[in-house]
Amino acid sequence: MTEPASDHRGLTDTHVSRRYFAKFDAIIAHLSRVAGLLHAEGRLSKDEVDVLARYVTGLNLTFRALSMKYMLVGRETGQVFGALTMDTHESGFPTATELMVMANDAAQAARHLETLPDAGTLKKRMVAEIIGEQSIPTRLQFTLSQRLYYEELLRGNLFWARNDPQCQWLGGTEERRRYLLHWAIYDTQMNLPTVYLMEVEDTGRDPLPRDQRRWPEAQAHLMAQSLSGLKLLTIAQGFDQTFDDLHPKRLRRFHIGPMYVHGFTHQSGPIREVLEQASAPDGQDWALVWTVEDLESEDVRQEKSGWFSTVEREMFALDPFSGRGAETGATRTERMIVMPERPFQVLAERNPPGFENVRKFVVSDAGPVLRY
């Protein structure tokens, strides 16, 4: 049996580490453009695009912070310092451990900054060492990189290992208010960022965000159920049964990744051959998978509660094709792949099995996003 750690790789070379983060910076930027296109198609509302954009921006800030932390990896800094660990097989993203350590660092960031010289002082010392001693001030560079890392953590708005539920009002009357609940996790098994969106109708006495009992309970419940192994149907039904006056009308789960990059990840199957044959230049040798699971309520039934009252329970629509609804626990599942033009050309020419129903988004630094 293969140990999970065998799929993890430490980026111990400075240039390799910087190339890796540069790729992420470019790839993540394309996701907001794809989300905008889905909004134009009517698949995402403006509120949903805004929410997804915040999580994508948070991911970008997280990777920027990690790039500061590991800026001097592989260099002699006078410190025993590790390397960024990435999942080379299942995701192409950093391992979840990296984000957990980062959360711990964030809790102590202010204390660390108190003991570090400010950036201006460090830069002056570096210039003095370069001119006076004619040497590369690696240790001072390392100290500056750590200061920049802690400053990024203090600025906040990053994507953490756990991003607790938030509640956004969509409309409705006092008797039946509509909210968009959204939260996200960094999946510890797959090492992938995962975003949840749930549309809820609230028939409680007090508005959900101001209800000091229900809102903390709902947040805790949703975070406890945010596991990749759980079907959306299981999550939605559990929420519906637990809260009599909160009615989940729609639940979606966005899996961002895996990311395949030629030379970094050890993917198997058609995508490996596509990236190999594309022979694309650095920065265009990647493909990012984006999967959306969607569960919708199609009706409600009345269920007896106590001696004299009834409550609403949702009846969810499952995928009607080939009996897959029971298997997937979703109304529909859509897989998309985002890639530059040259890998797409090879994919289109080869047309490997399994990609017929995968939507393709072709991106470039200039020009619109093309969809196929």
Protein backbone atom coordinates (compact mmCIF):
# COMPACT_ATOMS: atom_id res chain seq x y z
CA MET A 1 0.00 0.00 0.00
CA THR A 2 1.37 3.44 -0.94
CA GLU A 3 1.91 5.84 1.91
CA PRO A 4 0.24 9.23 1.36
CA ALA A 5 3.56 10.98 1.99
CA SER A 6 5.00 9.33 -1.12
CA ASP A 7 2.81 11.66 -3.18
CA HIS A 8 4.15 14.72 -1.38
CA ARG A 9 7.17 16.63 -2.59
CA GLY A 10 9.21 19.30 -0.88
CA LEU A 11 10.24 22.18 -3.14
CA THR A 12 13.80 22.64 -1.90
CA ASP A 13 15.18 24.74 -4.76
CA THR A 14 14.68 28.51 -4.76
CA HIS A 15 14.05 28.83 -8.49
CA VAL A 16 11.67 25.85 -8.60
CA SER A 17 9.72 27.21 -5.64
CA ARG A 18 9.38 30.64 -7.22
CA ARG A 19 8.29 29.16 -10.55
CA TYR A 20 5.65 27.12 -8.74
CA PHE A 21 4.17 30.17 -7.00
CA ALA A 22 4.33 32.23 -10.20
CA LYS A 23 2.28 29.55 -11.97
CA PHE A 24 -0.30 29.60 -9.18
CA ASP A 25 -0.59 33.36 -9.33
CA ALA A 26 -1.36 33.21 -13.06
CA ILE A 27 -3.69 30.20 -12.89
CA ILE A 28 -5.78 31.45 -9.97
CA ALA A 29 -6.30 34.77 -11.77
CA HIS A 30 -8.08 32.93 -14.60
CA LEU A 31 -10.68 31.41 -12.23
CA SER A 32 -12.40 34.74 -11.64
CA ARG A 33 -12.73 35.19 -15.41
CA VAL A 34 -14.28 31.74 -15.76
CA ALA A 35 -16.72 32.53 -12.94
CA GLY A 36 -17.66 35.74 -14.75
CA LEU A 37 -18.40 33.73 -17.89
CA LEU A 38 -20.62 31.33 -15.90
CA HIS A 39 -22.49 34.38 -14.60
CA ALA A 40 -23.01 35.60 -18.18
CA GLU A 41 -24.46 32.18 -19.01
CA GLY A 42 -26.89 32.44 -16.09
CA ARG A 43 -25.28 29.55 -14.21
CA LEU A 44 -24.15 31.75 -11.32
CA SER A 45 -25.85 34.80 -9.83
CA LYS A 46 -23.95 38.01 -9.18
CA ASP A 47 -23.99 37.28 -5.43
CA GLU A 48 -22.52 33.83 -6.06
CA VAL A 49 -19.82 35.17 -8.35
CA ASP A 50 -18.89 37.75 -5.70
CA VAL A 51 -18.65 35.05 -3.04
CA LEU A 52 -16.52 32.77 -5.23
CA ALA A 53 -14.31 35.72 -6.19
CA ARG A 54 -13.62 36.39 -2.50
CA TYR A 55 -12.54 32.80 -1.92
CA VAL A 56 -10.38 32.80 -5.06
CA THR A 57 -8.80 36.08 -3.94
CA GLY A 58 -8.22 34.52 -0.52
CA LEU A 59 -6.47 31.58 -2.19
CA ASN A 60 -4.23 33.98 -4.06
CA LEU A 61 -3.35 35.79 -0.83
CA THR A 62 -2.63 32.47 0.89
CA PHE A 63 -0.22 31.42 -1.83
CA ARG A 64 1.38 34.87 -1.79
CA ALA A 65 2.00 34.52 1.95
CA LEU A 66 3.50 31.04 1.45
CA SER A 67 5.72 32.39 -1.33
CA MET A 68 7.10 34.94 1.16
CA LYS A 69 7.66 32.27 3.78
CA TYR A 70 9.61 30.06 1.36
CA MET A 71 11.29 32.82 -0.64
CA LEU A 72 14.79 31.76 0.46
CA VAL A 73 14.23 28.01 0.45
CA GLY A 74 17.33 26.13 -0.64
CA ARG A 75 19.65 29.01 0.29
CA GLU A 76 22.05 29.10 3.22
CA THR A 77 20.21 31.30 5.70
CA GLY A 78 21.80 30.17 8.95
CA GLN A 79 18.43 28.73 9.97
CA VAL A 80 17.10 25.18 9.93
CA PHE A 81 14.24 25.82 7.54
CA GLY A 82 11.88 23.46 5.75
CA ALA A 83 10.48 23.54 2.24
CA LEU A 84 6.99 23.93 0.88
CA THR A 85 5.33 20.52 0.68
CA MET A 86 3.00 19.99 -2.27
CA ASP A 87 0.79 17.08 -3.27
CA THR A 88 2.26 16.00 -6.60
CA HIS A 89 -0.35 13.35 -7.39
CA GLU A 90 -3.86 14.08 -6.10
CA SER A 91 -4.00 17.86 -6.34
CA GLY A 92 -0.91 19.81 -7.38
CA PHE A 93 -1.70 22.17 -4.48
CA PRO A 94 0.25 22.60 -1.23
CA THR A 95 -0.64 20.03 1.41
CA ALA A 96 -3.26 20.90 4.03
CA THR A 97 -0.53 20.81 6.69
CA GLU A 98 0.95 23.97 5.17
CA LEU A 99 -2.30 25.86 5.78
CA MET A 100 -2.65 24.49 9.30
CA VAL A 101 0.85 25.68 10.19
CA MET A 102 0.06 29.03 8.58
CA ALA A 103 -3.02 29.43 10.80
CA ASN A 104 -0.85 28.84 13.85
CA ASP A 105 1.68 31.37 12.57
CA ALA A 106 -1.10 33.92 12.06
CA ALA A 107 -2.09 33.65 15.72
CA GLN A 108 1.45 34.67 16.70
CA ALA A 109 2.24 37.02 13.82
CA ALA A 110 2.03 40.25 15.85
CA ARG A 111 4.46 38.91 18.46
CA HIS A 112 6.94 37.86 15.78
CA LEU A 113 6.78 41.25 14.08
CA GLU A 114 7.60 43.00 17.35
CA THR A 115 10.97 41.21 17.42
CA LEU A 116 11.87 41.78 13.75
CA PRO A 117 13.44 44.98 12.36
CA ASP A 118 11.22 46.93 9.99
CA ALA A 119 11.60 46.45 6.24
CA GLY A 120 13.38 49.79 5.72
CA THR A 121 16.05 48.96 8.31
CA LEU A 122 16.62 45.51 6.83
CA LYS A 123 17.04 46.94 3.32
CA LYS A 124 19.59 49.48 4.54
CA ARG A 125 21.56 46.71 6.24
CA MET A 126 21.47 44.64 3.04
CA VAL A 127 22.84 47.54 0.98
CA ALA A 128 25.60 48.09 3.56
CA GLU A 129 26.58 44.39 3.45
CA ILE A 130 26.61 44.32 -0.34
CA ILE A 131 28.79 47.44 -0.60
CA GLY A 132 30.93 47.02 2.51
CA GLU A 133 31.50 43.27 2.58
CA GLN A 134 30.80 42.58 -1.10
CA SER A 135 28.70 39.57 -0.19
CA ILE A 136 25.11 38.48 -0.73
CA PRO A 137 23.12 39.31 2.44
CA THR A 138 21.25 36.00 2.49
CA ARG A 139 20.49 36.00 6.20
CA LEU A 140 19.07 39.52 6.04
CA GLN A 141 17.03 38.51 3.00
CA PHE A 142 15.66 35.60 4.98
CA THR A 143 14.70 37.87 7.88
CA LEU A 144 12.94 40.25 5.46
CA SER A 145 11.07 37.37 3.83
CA GLN A 146 9.78 36.26 7.22
CA ARG A 147 8.71 39.79 8.08
CA LEU A 148 6.81 40.04 4.79
CA TYR A 149 5.22 36.65 5.52
CA TYR A 150 3.92 37.72 8.93
CA GLU A 151 2.71 41.04 7.53
CA GLU A 152 0.66 39.15 4.91
CA LEU A 153 -0.87 37.02 7.67
CA LEU A 154 -1.85 40.09 9.68
CA ARG A 155 -3.57 41.69 6.69
CA GLY A 156 -6.02 38.80 6.74
CA ASN A 157 -8.64 37.79 4.15
CA LEU A 158 -6.68 34.64 3.37
CA PHE A 159 -8.09 31.22 2.53
CA TRP A 160 -7.58 29.14 5.68
CA ALA A 161 -7.87 25.41 6.31
CA ARG A 162 -11.34 26.22 7.73
CA ASN A 163 -13.37 29.22 6.59
CA ASP A 164 -16.45 29.33 8.80
CA PRO A 165 -19.96 29.91 7.37
CA GLN A 166 -21.12 33.41 6.57
CA CYS A 167 -24.70 34.50 5.97
CA GLN A 168 -25.84 36.86 3.22
CA TRP A 169 -29.43 38.09 2.93
CA LEU A 170 -31.03 37.49 -0.48
CA GLY A 171 -34.54 38.78 0.15
CA GLY A 172 -37.91 37.59 1.39
CA THR A 173 -40.40 38.66 4.03
CA GLU A 174 -40.25 38.40 7.80
CA GLU A 175 -42.21 35.14 7.61
CA ARG A 176 -39.83 33.54 5.08
CA ARG A 177 -36.42 35.13 4.64
CA ARG A 178 -33.90 33.88 2.06
CA TYR A 179 -30.19 33.66 2.77
CA LEU A 180 -27.07 32.50 0.99
CA LEU A 181 -24.82 30.60 3.39
CA HIS A 182 -21.26 30.07 2.21
CA TRP A 183 -18.18 28.49 3.72
CA ALA A 184 -15.04 26.71 2.58
CA ILE A 185 -12.45 24.19 3.69
CA TYR A 186 -9.09 22.96 2.50
CA ASP A 187 -9.74 19.26 2.09
CA THR A 188 -7.21 17.35 4.20
CA GLN A 189 -7.57 14.13 2.22
CA MET A 190 -7.39 15.51 -1.30
CA ASN A 191 -5.42 18.71 -0.49
CA LEU A 192 -7.90 20.77 -2.48
CA PRO A 193 -9.82 23.99 -1.70
CA THR A 194 -13.56 23.31 -1.56
CA VAL A 195 -16.29 25.96 -1.44
CA TYR A 196 -19.92 25.40 -0.36
CA LEU A 197 -22.94 27.55 -1.25
CA MET A 198 -26.33 26.84 0.36
CA GLU A 199 -29.55 28.74 -0.33
CA VAL A 200 -31.77 28.62 2.75
CA GLU A 201 -35.27 29.81 3.61
CA ASP A 202 -35.66 30.89 7.24
CA THR A 203 -39.05 30.67 8.94
CA GLY A 204 -37.71 31.25 12.46
CA ARG A 205 -38.85 34.05 14.74
CA ASP A 206 -35.57 35.97 14.59
CA PRO A 207 -33.43 36.53 11.48
CA LEU A 208 -30.81 33.81 11.32
CA PRO A 209 -27.66 36.01 11.52
CA ARG A 210 -29.00 37.69 14.67
CA ASP A 211 -30.25 34.51 16.32
CA GLN A 212 -27.76 33.86 19.12
CA ARG A 213 -28.79 30.22 19.40
CA ARG A 214 -29.48 28.98 15.88
CA TRP A 215 -26.67 30.74 13.99
CA PRO A 216 -23.75 29.35 16.07
CA GLU A 217 -25.40 25.91 15.99
CA ALA A 218 -25.87 26.09 12.20
CA GLN A 219 -22.25 27.17 11.70
CA ALA A 220 -20.92 24.32 13.83
CA HIS A 221 -23.20 21.80 12.13
CA LEU A 222 -22.14 22.80 8.62
CA MET A 223 -18.43 22.76 9.40
CA ALA A 224 -18.73 19.32 10.98
CA GLN A 225 -20.41 18.01 7.82
CA SER A 226 -17.94 19.54 5.37
CA LEU A 227 -16.22 16.33 4.37
CA SER A 228 -15.44 15.37 0.79
CA GLY A 229 -16.61 11.82 1.47
CA LEU A 230 -20.14 12.98 2.33
CA LYS A 231 -22.68 13.31 -0.46
CA LEU A 232 -24.52 16.60 -0.82
CA LEU A 233 -27.77 14.74 -0.16
CA THR A 234 -26.47 13.56 3.20
CA ILE A 235 -25.34 17.08 4.17
CA ALA A 236 -28.59 18.75 3.09
CA GLN A 237 -30.89 16.16 4.68
CA GLY A 238 -28.92 16.29 7.93
CA PHE A 239 -29.26 20.08 8.03
CA ASP A 240 -32.98 19.87 7.16
CA GLN A 241 -33.65 17.36 9.94
CA THR A 242 -31.62 19.26 12.55
CA PHE A 243 -33.19 22.70 12.04
CA ASP A 244 -36.98 22.68 11.73
CA ASP A 245 -37.17 26.34 10.65
CA LEU A 246 -34.22 26.38 8.22
CA HIS A 247 -35.04 24.93 4.82
CA PRO A 248 -32.12 24.18 2.45
CA LYS A 249 -33.37 24.82 -1.09
CA ARG A 250 -30.10 24.38 -2.93
CA LEU A 251 -26.62 23.18 -2.01
CA ARG A 252 -23.54 23.37 -4.24
CA ARG A 253 -19.97 22.23 -3.73
CA PHE A 254 -17.11 23.61 -5.83
CA HIS A 255 -13.92 21.55 -5.96
CA ILE A 256 -11.07 23.77 -7.16
CA GLY A 257 -8.48 21.42 -8.64
CA PRO A 258 -6.66 19.16 -9.20
CA MET A 259 -4.05 21.27 -10.93
CA TYR A 260 -1.77 19.50 -13.40
CA VAL A 261 1.52 21.16 -14.31
CA HIS A 262 4.03 19.46 -16.55
CA GLY A 263 7.25 19.01 -14.60
CA PHE A 264 5.66 19.49 -11.18
CA THR A 265 2.88 16.91 -10.88
CA HIS A 266 2.84 13.18 -11.58
CA GLN A 267 -0.56 12.87 -13.19
CA SER A 268 -1.57 9.72 -15.02
CA GLY A 269 -3.86 9.02 -17.97
CA PRO A 270 -4.78 11.25 -20.93
CA ILE A 271 -3.97 14.57 -19.26
CA ARG A 272 -0.33 13.54 -18.80
CA GLU A 273 -0.01 12.71 -22.50
CA VAL A 274 -1.75 15.95 -23.46
CA LEU A 275 0.67 18.10 -21.45
CA GLU A 276 3.67 16.13 -22.71
CA GLN A 277 2.71 16.41 -26.38
CA ALA A 278 1.71 20.07 -26.07
CA SER A 279 5.36 20.99 -25.35
CA ALA A 280 4.02 24.33 -24.21
CA PRO A 281 6.35 27.06 -22.92
CA ASP A 282 6.62 27.73 -19.21
CA GLY A 283 3.39 29.30 -17.98
CA GLN A 284 1.21 27.52 -20.55
CA ASP A 285 1.92 23.93 -19.52
CA TRP A 286 -0.95 23.37 -17.12
CA ALA A 287 -4.58 22.33 -16.75
CA LEU A 288 -6.94 22.98 -13.85
CA VAL A 289 -10.03 20.89 -13.13
CA TRP A 290 -13.09 22.54 -11.60
CA THR A 291 -15.99 20.33 -10.47
CA VAL A 292 -19.42 21.58 -9.36
CA GLU A 293 -21.88 19.32 -7.54
CA ASP A 294 -25.42 20.71 -7.38
CA LEU A 295 -28.39 19.55 -5.28
CA GLU A 296 -31.82 21.20 -5.59
CA SER A 297 -35.05 20.79 -3.65
CA GLU A 298 -37.97 19.98 -5.95
CA ASP A 299 -40.79 19.85 -3.40
CA VAL A 300 -41.64 19.85 0.30
CA ARG A 301 -43.63 17.48 2.46
CA GLN A 302 -45.28 18.03 5.82
CA GLU A 303 -43.93 15.93 8.66
CA LYS A 304 -45.53 15.59 12.07
CA SER A 305 -43.63 17.22 14.91
CA GLY A 306 -44.90 16.59 18.41
CA TRP A 307 -48.59 16.14 19.12
CA PHE A 308 -50.15 19.07 17.30
CA SER A 309 -47.68 20.63 14.86
CA THR A 310 -46.00 19.84 11.57
CA VAL A 311 -42.73 20.95 9.95
CA GLU A 312 -41.59 21.25 6.35
CA ARG A 313 -39.07 18.73 5.03
CA GLU A 314 -37.35 19.12 1.68
CA MET A 315 -37.60 16.57 -1.13
CA PHE A 316 -34.43 16.74 -3.20
CA ALA A 317 -34.17 16.03 -6.92
CA LEU A 318 -31.52 13.46 -7.84
CA ASP A 319 -29.77 12.91 -11.17
CA PRO A 320 -32.33 10.98 -13.25
CA PHE A 321 -29.84 9.55 -15.76
CA SER A 322 -28.79 5.90 -15.45
CA GLY A 323 -29.77 5.81 -11.81
CA ARG A 324 -26.73 7.92 -10.93
CA GLY A 325 -28.65 10.10 -8.50
CA ALA A 326 -28.38 7.60 -5.65
CA GLU A 327 -24.71 7.14 -6.46
CA THR A 328 -23.73 10.81 -6.60
CA GLY A 329 -26.24 12.23 -4.11
CA ALA A 330 -26.67 15.26 -6.37
CA THR A 331 -29.12 16.67 -8.88
CA ARG A 332 -26.26 17.16 -11.33
CA THR A 333 -22.49 17.15 -11.42
CA GLU A 334 -20.56 19.23 -13.92
CA ARG A 335 -16.87 18.88 -14.63
CA MET A 336 -14.87 21.64 -16.25
CA ILE A 337 -11.25 22.00 -17.24
CA VAL A 338 -9.39 25.31 -17.64
CA MET A 339 -6.26 25.32 -19.79
CA PRO A 340 -4.19 27.46 -22.18
CA GLU A 341 -4.59 27.19 -25.94
CA ARG A 342 -1.75 24.80 -26.81
CA PRO A 343 -2.73 22.00 -24.38
CA PHE A 344 -6.35 22.44 -25.52
CA GLN A 345 -5.35 21.96 -29.15
CA VAL A 346 -3.69 18.64 -28.28
CA LEU A 347 -6.71 17.60 -26.18
CA ALA A 348 -9.08 18.41 -29.07
CA GLU A 349 -6.94 16.48 -31.55
CA ARG A 350 -6.59 13.40 -29.36
CA ASN A 351 -10.19 13.54 -28.06
CA PRO A 352 -9.52 10.93 -25.35
CA PRO A 353 -12.44 8.97 -23.82
CA GLY A 354 -14.07 10.57 -20.79
CA PHE A 355 -13.67 14.18 -21.93
CA GLU A 356 -16.76 14.44 -24.14
CA ASN A 357 -18.95 15.79 -21.32
CA VAL A 358 -16.24 17.92 -19.73
CA ARG A 359 -16.60 21.64 -20.47
CA LYS A 360 -13.38 23.21 -21.69
CA PHE A 361 -12.40 26.81 -20.96
CA VAL A 362 -9.42 28.08 -22.93
CA VAL A 363 -7.64 31.06 -21.37
CA SER A 364 -4.81 33.38 -22.30
CA ASP A 365 -3.17 36.43 -20.78
CA ALA A 366 -4.84 38.56 -23.45
CA GLY A 367 -8.19 37.97 -25.05
CA PRO A 368 -11.52 36.50 -23.89
CA VAL A 369 -12.09 33.13 -22.26
CA LEU A 370 -13.23 30.65 -24.92
CA ARG A 371 -15.56 27.76 -24.05
CA TYR A 372 -16.07 24.45 -25.81
